Amino acid sequence: MSTSFNDDIVKAIEVLRSGGIILYPTDTIWGIGCDATNPDAVRRIYEIKQRIDVKSMLVLMENPNLLNSYIAEVPEIAWDLIEVADNPLTIIYPGAKNLASNLLAPDGSIGIRITTEPFTQQLIQRFRKPVVSTSANISGQKSPQNFNEINDEIKPLMDYIVTYRQDDLSKSNPSGIIKLGLGGQIEIIRK
């Protein structure tokens, strides 16, 4: 790992701990992020995206063992889905807990993705809390597939912009999304 990789993580964590907003690369697209337990930081992201807060955002975790800390009852099928997923998969769980209330959908659910991307894994592991991840765009605009596609009106609103992977021009796609119910129901939202 390069020095800038570690420096980026240290600076991003400082900003997250102070309630700030970061622009960072994820296992899918570039994301706007904050401490998922801080309602003021979450509110700022809604303001930046010019989005109403009934449209919930997802959070990233680096380890599925943390799910029980943030979900009241993890449906059994979730463990199998996480294990067999070849591509990034966001699972919407019922009964979120210990997260900012304005992050949750009106039904109390939350989308969580377990990241395997090295930067976000290290960031979340060292931060020791889930991090919000929402596409780096104004609501309704096209999601940027790499750093160069991020709209310039977003960047000045960030408290820290990660330098790692800014020069990576490969195109990325959003994750698949599956919603789980406590009774074992599965709804595919996005493949």
C-alpha atoms as a PDB file:
ATOM      1  CA  MET A   1       0.000   0.000   0.000  1.00  0.00           C
ATOM      2  CA  SER A   2       1.373   3.405  -0.912  1.00  0.00           C
ATOM      3  CA  THR A   3       1.848   6.240   1.548  1.00  0.00           C
ATOM      4  CA  SER A   4      -0.905   8.253  -0.144  1.00  0.00           C
ATOM      5  CA  PHE A   5      -3.314   5.312   0.354  1.00  0.00           C
ATOM      6  CA  ASN A   6      -2.649   5.379   4.110  1.00  0.00           C
ATOM      7  CA  ASP A   7      -2.632   9.204   4.256  1.00  0.00           C
ATOM      8  CA  ASP A   8      -5.998   9.256   2.490  1.00  0.00           C
ATOM      9  CA  ILE A   9      -7.433   6.816   5.038  1.00  0.00           C
ATOM     10  CA  VAL A  10      -6.079   8.794   8.005  1.00  0.00           C
ATOM     11  CA  LYS A  11      -7.441  12.104   6.652  1.00  0.00           C
ATOM     12  CA  ALA A  12     -10.797  10.583   5.680  1.00  0.00           C
ATOM     13  CA  ILE A  13     -11.210   9.113   9.172  1.00  0.00           C
ATOM     14  CA  GLU A  14     -10.426  12.495  10.779  1.00  0.00           C
ATOM     15  CA  VAL A  15     -13.152  14.090   8.648  1.00  0.00           C
ATOM     16  CA  LEU A  16     -15.670  11.298   9.360  1.00  0.00           C
ATOM     17  CA  ARG A  17     -15.025  11.508  13.117  1.00  0.00           C
ATOM     18  CA  SER A  18     -15.614  15.275  13.053  1.00  0.00           C
ATOM     19  CA  GLY A  19     -18.983  14.825  11.314  1.00  0.00           C
ATOM     20  CA  GLY A  20     -17.662  15.750   7.876  1.00  0.00           C
ATOM     21  CA  ILE A  21     -18.412  14.531   4.367  1.00  0.00           C
ATOM     22  CA  ILE A  22     -15.973  12.680   2.105  1.00  0.00           C
ATOM     23  CA  LEU A  23     -15.840  11.908  -1.609  1.00  0.00           C
ATOM     24  CA  TYR A  24     -14.301   8.464  -2.005  1.00  0.00           C
ATOM     25  CA  PRO A  25     -13.943   5.458  -4.317  1.00  0.00           C
ATOM     26  CA  THR A  26     -16.008   2.403  -3.405  1.00  0.00           C
ATOM     27  CA  ASP A  27     -16.278  -1.137  -4.722  1.00  0.00           C
ATOM     28  CA  THR A  28     -18.713   0.234  -7.306  1.00  0.00           C
ATOM     29  CA  ILE A  29     -18.877   3.943  -8.169  1.00  0.00           C
ATOM     30  CA  TRP A  30     -17.430   7.031  -6.447  1.00  0.00           C
ATOM     31  CA  GLY A  31     -19.462   7.831  -3.385  1.00  0.00           C
ATOM     32  CA  ILE A  32     -20.305  10.630  -1.013  1.00  0.00           C
ATOM     33  CA  GLY A  33     -19.919   9.367   2.513  1.00  0.00           C
ATOM     34  CA  CYS A  34     -20.217  10.172   6.190  1.00  0.00           C
ATOM     35  CA  ASP A  35     -20.511   8.467   9.562  1.00  0.00           C
ATOM     36  CA  ALA A  36     -23.681   6.363   9.241  1.00  0.00           C
ATOM     37  CA  THR A  37     -24.479   6.951  12.926  1.00  0.00           C
ATOM     38  CA  ASN A  38     -24.373  10.773  12.696  1.00  0.00           C
ATOM     39  CA  PRO A  39     -27.783  12.282  11.747  1.00  0.00           C
ATOM     40  CA  ASP A  40     -26.339  15.779  11.151  1.00  0.00           C
ATOM     41  CA  ALA A  41     -23.780  14.436   8.677  1.00  0.00           C
ATOM     42  CA  VAL A  42     -26.480  12.364   6.956  1.00  0.00           C
ATOM     43  CA  ARG A  43     -28.680  15.479   6.671  1.00  0.00           C
ATOM     44  CA  ARG A  44     -25.794  17.348   4.998  1.00  0.00           C
ATOM     45  CA  ILE A  45     -25.535  14.629   2.345  1.00  0.00           C
ATOM     46  CA  TYR A  46     -29.253  14.935   1.577  1.00  0.00           C
ATOM     47  CA  GLU A  47     -28.735  18.701   1.215  1.00  0.00           C
ATOM     48  CA  ILE A  48     -25.694  18.256  -1.062  1.00  0.00           C
ATOM     49  CA  LYS A  49     -27.588  15.796  -3.254  1.00  0.00           C
ATOM     50  CA  GLN A  50     -30.702  18.050  -3.162  1.00  0.00           C
ATOM     51  CA  ARG A  51     -32.659  14.963  -2.218  1.00  0.00           C
ATOM     52  CA  ILE A  52     -35.536  14.420   0.170  1.00  0.00           C
ATOM     53  CA  ASP A  53     -34.665  12.184   3.088  1.00  0.00           C
ATOM     54  CA  VAL A  54     -37.459   9.682   2.577  1.00  0.00           C
ATOM     55  CA  LYS A  55     -35.276   8.175  -0.147  1.00  0.00           C
ATOM     56  CA  SER A  56     -32.835   6.299   2.056  1.00  0.00           C
ATOM     57  CA  MET A  57     -29.142   5.810   1.340  1.00  0.00           C
ATOM     58  CA  LEU A  58     -27.069   2.691   1.810  1.00  0.00           C
ATOM     59  CA  VAL A  59     -24.151   2.010   4.114  1.00  0.00           C
ATOM     60  CA  LEU A  60     -20.935   0.092   3.631  1.00  0.00           C
ATOM     61  CA  MET A  61     -19.445  -2.343   6.109  1.00  0.00           C
ATOM     62  CA  GLU A  62     -16.278  -4.340   5.723  1.00  0.00           C
ATOM     63  CA  ASN A  63     -17.300  -7.420   7.669  1.00  0.00           C
ATOM     64  CA  PRO A  64     -20.618  -9.318   7.654  1.00  0.00           C
ATOM     65  CA  ASN A  65     -20.114 -10.152  11.346  1.00  0.00           C
ATOM     66  CA  LEU A  66     -21.042  -6.519  12.087  1.00  0.00           C
ATOM     67  CA  LEU A  67     -24.570  -6.926  10.704  1.00  0.00           C
ATOM     68  CA  ASN A  68     -25.983  -7.998  14.066  1.00  0.00           C
ATOM     69  CA  SER A  69     -24.869  -4.652  15.542  1.00  0.00           C
ATOM     70  CA  TYR A  70     -27.009  -2.714  13.053  1.00  0.00           C
ATOM     71  CA  ILE A  71     -29.877  -5.068  12.138  1.00  0.00           C
ATOM     72  CA  ALA A  72     -32.359  -6.298  14.773  1.00  0.00           C
ATOM     73  CA  GLU A  73     -32.739  -9.729  13.190  1.00  0.00           C
ATOM     74  CA  VAL A  74     -30.632 -10.691  10.165  1.00  0.00           C
ATOM     75  CA  PRO A  75     -32.697 -12.977   7.888  1.00  0.00           C
ATOM     76  CA  GLU A  76     -30.946 -16.371   7.543  1.00  0.00           C
ATOM     77  CA  ILE A  77     -30.815 -16.139   3.731  1.00  0.00           C
ATOM     78  CA  ALA A  78     -28.625 -13.006   3.984  1.00  0.00           C
ATOM     79  CA  TRP A  79     -25.577 -15.020   5.052  1.00  0.00           C
ATOM     80  CA  ASP A  80     -25.858 -17.249   1.957  1.00  0.00           C
ATOM     81  CA  LEU A  81     -26.378 -14.285  -0.375  1.00  0.00           C
ATOM     82  CA  ILE A  82     -23.288 -12.516   0.987  1.00  0.00           C
ATOM     83  CA  GLU A  83     -21.209 -15.678   0.672  1.00  0.00           C
ATOM     84  CA  VAL A  84     -22.145 -16.456  -2.941  1.00  0.00           C
ATOM     85  CA  ALA A  85     -22.227 -12.901  -4.362  1.00  0.00           C
ATOM     86  CA  ASP A  86     -19.691 -12.584  -7.201  1.00  0.00           C
ATOM     87  CA  ASN A  87     -20.349  -8.880  -7.677  1.00  0.00           C
ATOM     88  CA  PRO A  88     -21.090  -6.067  -5.222  1.00  0.00           C
ATOM     89  CA  LEU A  89     -24.492  -6.710  -3.667  1.00  0.00           C
ATOM     90  CA  THR A  90     -26.552  -4.340  -1.558  1.00  0.00           C
ATOM     91  CA  ILE A  91     -29.041  -6.092   0.684  1.00  0.00           C
ATOM     92  CA  ILE A  92     -31.943  -4.139   2.157  1.00  0.00           C
ATOM     93  CA  TYR A  93     -32.602  -5.434   5.669  1.00  0.00           C
ATOM     94  CA  PRO A  94     -35.671  -4.863   7.845  1.00  0.00           C
ATOM     95  CA  GLY A  95     -35.289  -3.549  11.386  1.00  0.00           C
ATOM     96  CA  ALA A  96     -32.226  -1.303  11.276  1.00  0.00           C
ATOM     97  CA  LYS A  97     -30.774  -0.176  14.616  1.00  0.00           C
ATOM     98  CA  ASN A  98     -27.875   1.950  15.900  1.00  0.00           C
ATOM     99  CA  LEU A  99     -27.782   4.027  12.702  1.00  0.00           C
ATOM    100  CA  ALA A 100     -28.857   7.628  12.091  1.00  0.00           C
ATOM    101  CA  SER A 101     -32.676   7.562  11.954  1.00  0.00           C
ATOM    102  CA  ASN A 102     -32.761   9.885   8.914  1.00  0.00           C
ATOM    103  CA  LEU A 103     -30.739   7.277   7.010  1.00  0.00           C
ATOM    104  CA  LEU A 104     -33.487   4.664   7.220  1.00  0.00           C
ATOM    105  CA  ALA A 105     -36.366   4.078   4.825  1.00  0.00           C
ATOM    106  CA  PRO A 106     -39.845   4.903   6.203  1.00  0.00           C
ATOM    107  CA  ASP A 107     -40.342   1.177   6.971  1.00  0.00           C
ATOM    108  CA  GLY A 108     -37.199   1.119   9.142  1.00  0.00           C
ATOM    109  CA  SER A 109     -35.113  -0.808   6.615  1.00  0.00           C
ATOM    110  CA  ILE A 110     -31.558  -0.041   5.481  1.00  0.00           C
ATOM    111  CA  GLY A 111     -29.446  -1.094   2.515  1.00  0.00           C
ATOM    112  CA  ILE A 112     -26.046  -2.514   3.496  1.00  0.00           C
ATOM    113  CA  ARG A 113     -23.222  -3.680   1.263  1.00  0.00           C
ATOM    114  CA  ILE A 114     -20.208  -5.606   2.497  1.00  0.00           C
ATOM    115  CA  THR A 115     -17.287  -4.120   0.596  1.00  0.00           C
ATOM    116  CA  THR A 116     -14.247  -6.067  -0.531  1.00  0.00           C
ATOM    117  CA  GLU A 117     -12.524  -3.090  -2.181  1.00  0.00           C
ATOM    118  CA  PRO A 118      -9.175  -2.464  -0.366  1.00  0.00           C
ATOM    119  CA  PHE A 119      -9.595   1.265   0.310  1.00  0.00           C
ATOM    120  CA  THR A 120     -13.134   1.136   1.680  1.00  0.00           C
ATOM    121  CA  GLN A 121     -12.398  -2.027   3.634  1.00  0.00           C
ATOM    122  CA  GLN A 122      -9.450  -0.380   5.417  1.00  0.00           C
ATOM    123  CA  LEU A 123     -11.324   2.894   5.893  1.00  0.00           C
ATOM    124  CA  ILE A 124     -14.326   1.249   7.545  1.00  0.00           C
ATOM    125  CA  GLN A 125     -12.259  -1.199   9.556  1.00  0.00           C
ATOM    126  CA  ARG A 126     -10.138   1.616  11.017  1.00  0.00           C
ATOM    127  CA  PHE A 127     -13.101   3.972  11.456  1.00  0.00           C
ATOM    128  CA  ARG A 128     -14.969   1.184  13.311  1.00  0.00           C
ATOM    129  CA  LYS A 129     -18.401   2.283  12.114  1.00  0.00           C
ATOM    130  CA  PRO A 130     -20.406   1.872   8.903  1.00  0.00           C
ATOM    131  CA  VAL A 131     -19.997   4.621   6.318  1.00  0.00           C
ATOM    132  CA  VAL A 132     -22.779   6.046   4.140  1.00  0.00           C
ATOM    133  CA  SER A 133     -22.308   5.484   0.433  1.00  0.00           C
ATOM    134  CA  THR A 134     -24.416   7.336  -2.096  1.00  0.00           C
ATOM    135  CA  SER A 135     -23.528   8.180  -5.670  1.00  0.00           C
ATOM    136  CA  ALA A 136     -21.472  11.352  -6.119  1.00  0.00           C
ATOM    137  CA  ASN A 137     -24.123  13.320  -7.983  1.00  0.00           C
ATOM    138  CA  ILE A 138     -27.062  15.660  -7.534  1.00  0.00           C
ATOM    139  CA  SER A 139     -30.239  13.584  -7.210  1.00  0.00           C
ATOM    140  CA  GLY A 140     -31.677  12.788 -10.627  1.00  0.00           C
ATOM    141  CA  GLN A 141     -28.387  13.264 -12.491  1.00  0.00           C
ATOM    142  CA  LYS A 142     -26.405  10.405 -14.032  1.00  0.00           C
ATOM    143  CA  SER A 143     -24.168   8.525 -11.563  1.00  0.00           C
ATOM    144  CA  PRO A 144     -20.490   9.094 -12.357  1.00  0.00           C
ATOM    145  CA  GLN A 145     -18.637   5.915 -13.340  1.00  0.00           C
ATOM    146  CA  ASN A 146     -15.224   7.327 -12.422  1.00  0.00           C
ATOM    147  CA  PHE A 147     -13.739  10.391 -10.721  1.00  0.00           C
ATOM    148  CA  ASN A 148     -13.541  12.459 -13.935  1.00  0.00           C
ATOM    149  CA  GLU A 149     -17.315  12.194 -14.401  1.00  0.00           C
ATOM    150  CA  ILE A 150     -18.140  13.762 -11.014  1.00  0.00           C
ATOM    151  CA  ASN A 151     -19.920  17.077 -11.496  1.00  0.00           C
ATOM    152  CA  ASP A 152     -17.761  20.043 -10.445  1.00  0.00           C
ATOM    153  CA  GLU A 153     -20.583  21.514  -8.346  1.00  0.00           C
ATOM    154  CA  ILE A 154     -20.296  18.536  -5.938  1.00  0.00           C
ATOM    155  CA  LYS A 155     -16.548  18.718  -5.213  1.00  0.00           C
ATOM    156  CA  PRO A 156     -16.432  22.075  -3.361  1.00  0.00           C
ATOM    157  CA  LEU A 157     -19.141  20.824  -0.977  1.00  0.00           C
ATOM    158  CA  MET A 158     -16.910  18.013   0.339  1.00  0.00           C
ATOM    159  CA  ASP A 159     -14.805  18.243   3.489  1.00  0.00           C
ATOM    160  CA  TYR A 160     -12.272  15.808   2.031  1.00  0.00           C
ATOM    161  CA  ILE A 161     -11.726  14.291  -1.414  1.00  0.00           C
ATOM    162  CA  VAL A 162      -9.754  11.046  -1.463  1.00  0.00           C
ATOM    163  CA  THR A 163      -6.894  11.084  -3.987  1.00  0.00           C
ATOM    164  CA  TYR A 164      -6.598   7.287  -4.227  1.00  0.00           C
ATOM    165  CA  ARG A 165      -7.963   5.993  -7.574  1.00  0.00           C
ATOM    166  CA  GLN A 166      -8.767   9.441  -8.986  1.00  0.00           C
ATOM    167  CA  ASP A 167      -6.772   8.496 -12.100  1.00  0.00           C
ATOM    168  CA  ASP A 168      -8.619   5.184 -12.556  1.00  0.00           C
ATOM    169  CA  LEU A 169     -10.762   5.779 -15.638  1.00  0.00           C
ATOM    170  CA  SER A 170     -12.321   2.335 -15.823  1.00  0.00           C
ATOM    171  CA  LYS A 171     -16.106   2.345 -15.916  1.00  0.00           C
ATOM    172  CA  SER A 172     -17.893   0.911 -12.911  1.00  0.00           C
ATOM    173  CA  ASN A 173     -21.460  -0.090 -12.258  1.00  0.00           C
ATOM    174  CA  PRO A 174     -23.763   0.241  -9.263  1.00  0.00           C
ATOM    175  CA  SER A 175     -24.364  -2.834  -7.126  1.00  0.00           C
ATOM    176  CA  GLY A 176     -27.181  -5.298  -7.411  1.00  0.00           C
ATOM    177  CA  ILE A 177     -29.928  -4.700  -4.837  1.00  0.00           C
ATOM    178  CA  ILE A 178     -32.029  -7.334  -3.061  1.00  0.00           C
ATOM    179  CA  LYS A 179     -34.629  -6.607  -0.379  1.00  0.00           C
ATOM    180  CA  LEU A 180     -35.174  -9.216   2.323  1.00  0.00           C
ATOM    181  CA  GLY A 181     -38.173  -9.660   4.603  1.00  0.00           C
ATOM    182  CA  LEU A 182     -38.179 -11.288   8.022  1.00  0.00           C
ATOM    183  CA  GLY A 183     -40.339 -14.117   6.693  1.00  0.00           C
ATOM    184  CA  GLY A 184     -37.726 -15.072   4.094  1.00  0.00           C
ATOM    185  CA  GLN A 185     -39.220 -12.941   1.309  1.00  0.00           C
ATOM    186  CA  ILE A 186     -36.746 -11.883  -1.398  1.00  0.00           C
ATOM    187  CA  GLU A 187     -37.368  -9.005  -3.799  1.00  0.00           C
ATOM    188  CA  ILE A 188     -34.830  -8.243  -6.535  1.00  0.00           C
ATOM    189  CA  ILE A 189     -34.699  -4.448  -6.904  1.00  0.00           C
ATOM    190  CA  ARG A 190     -31.742  -4.158  -9.326  1.00  0.00           C
ATOM    191  CA  LYS A 191     -29.722  -6.936 -10.969  1.00  0.00           C
END
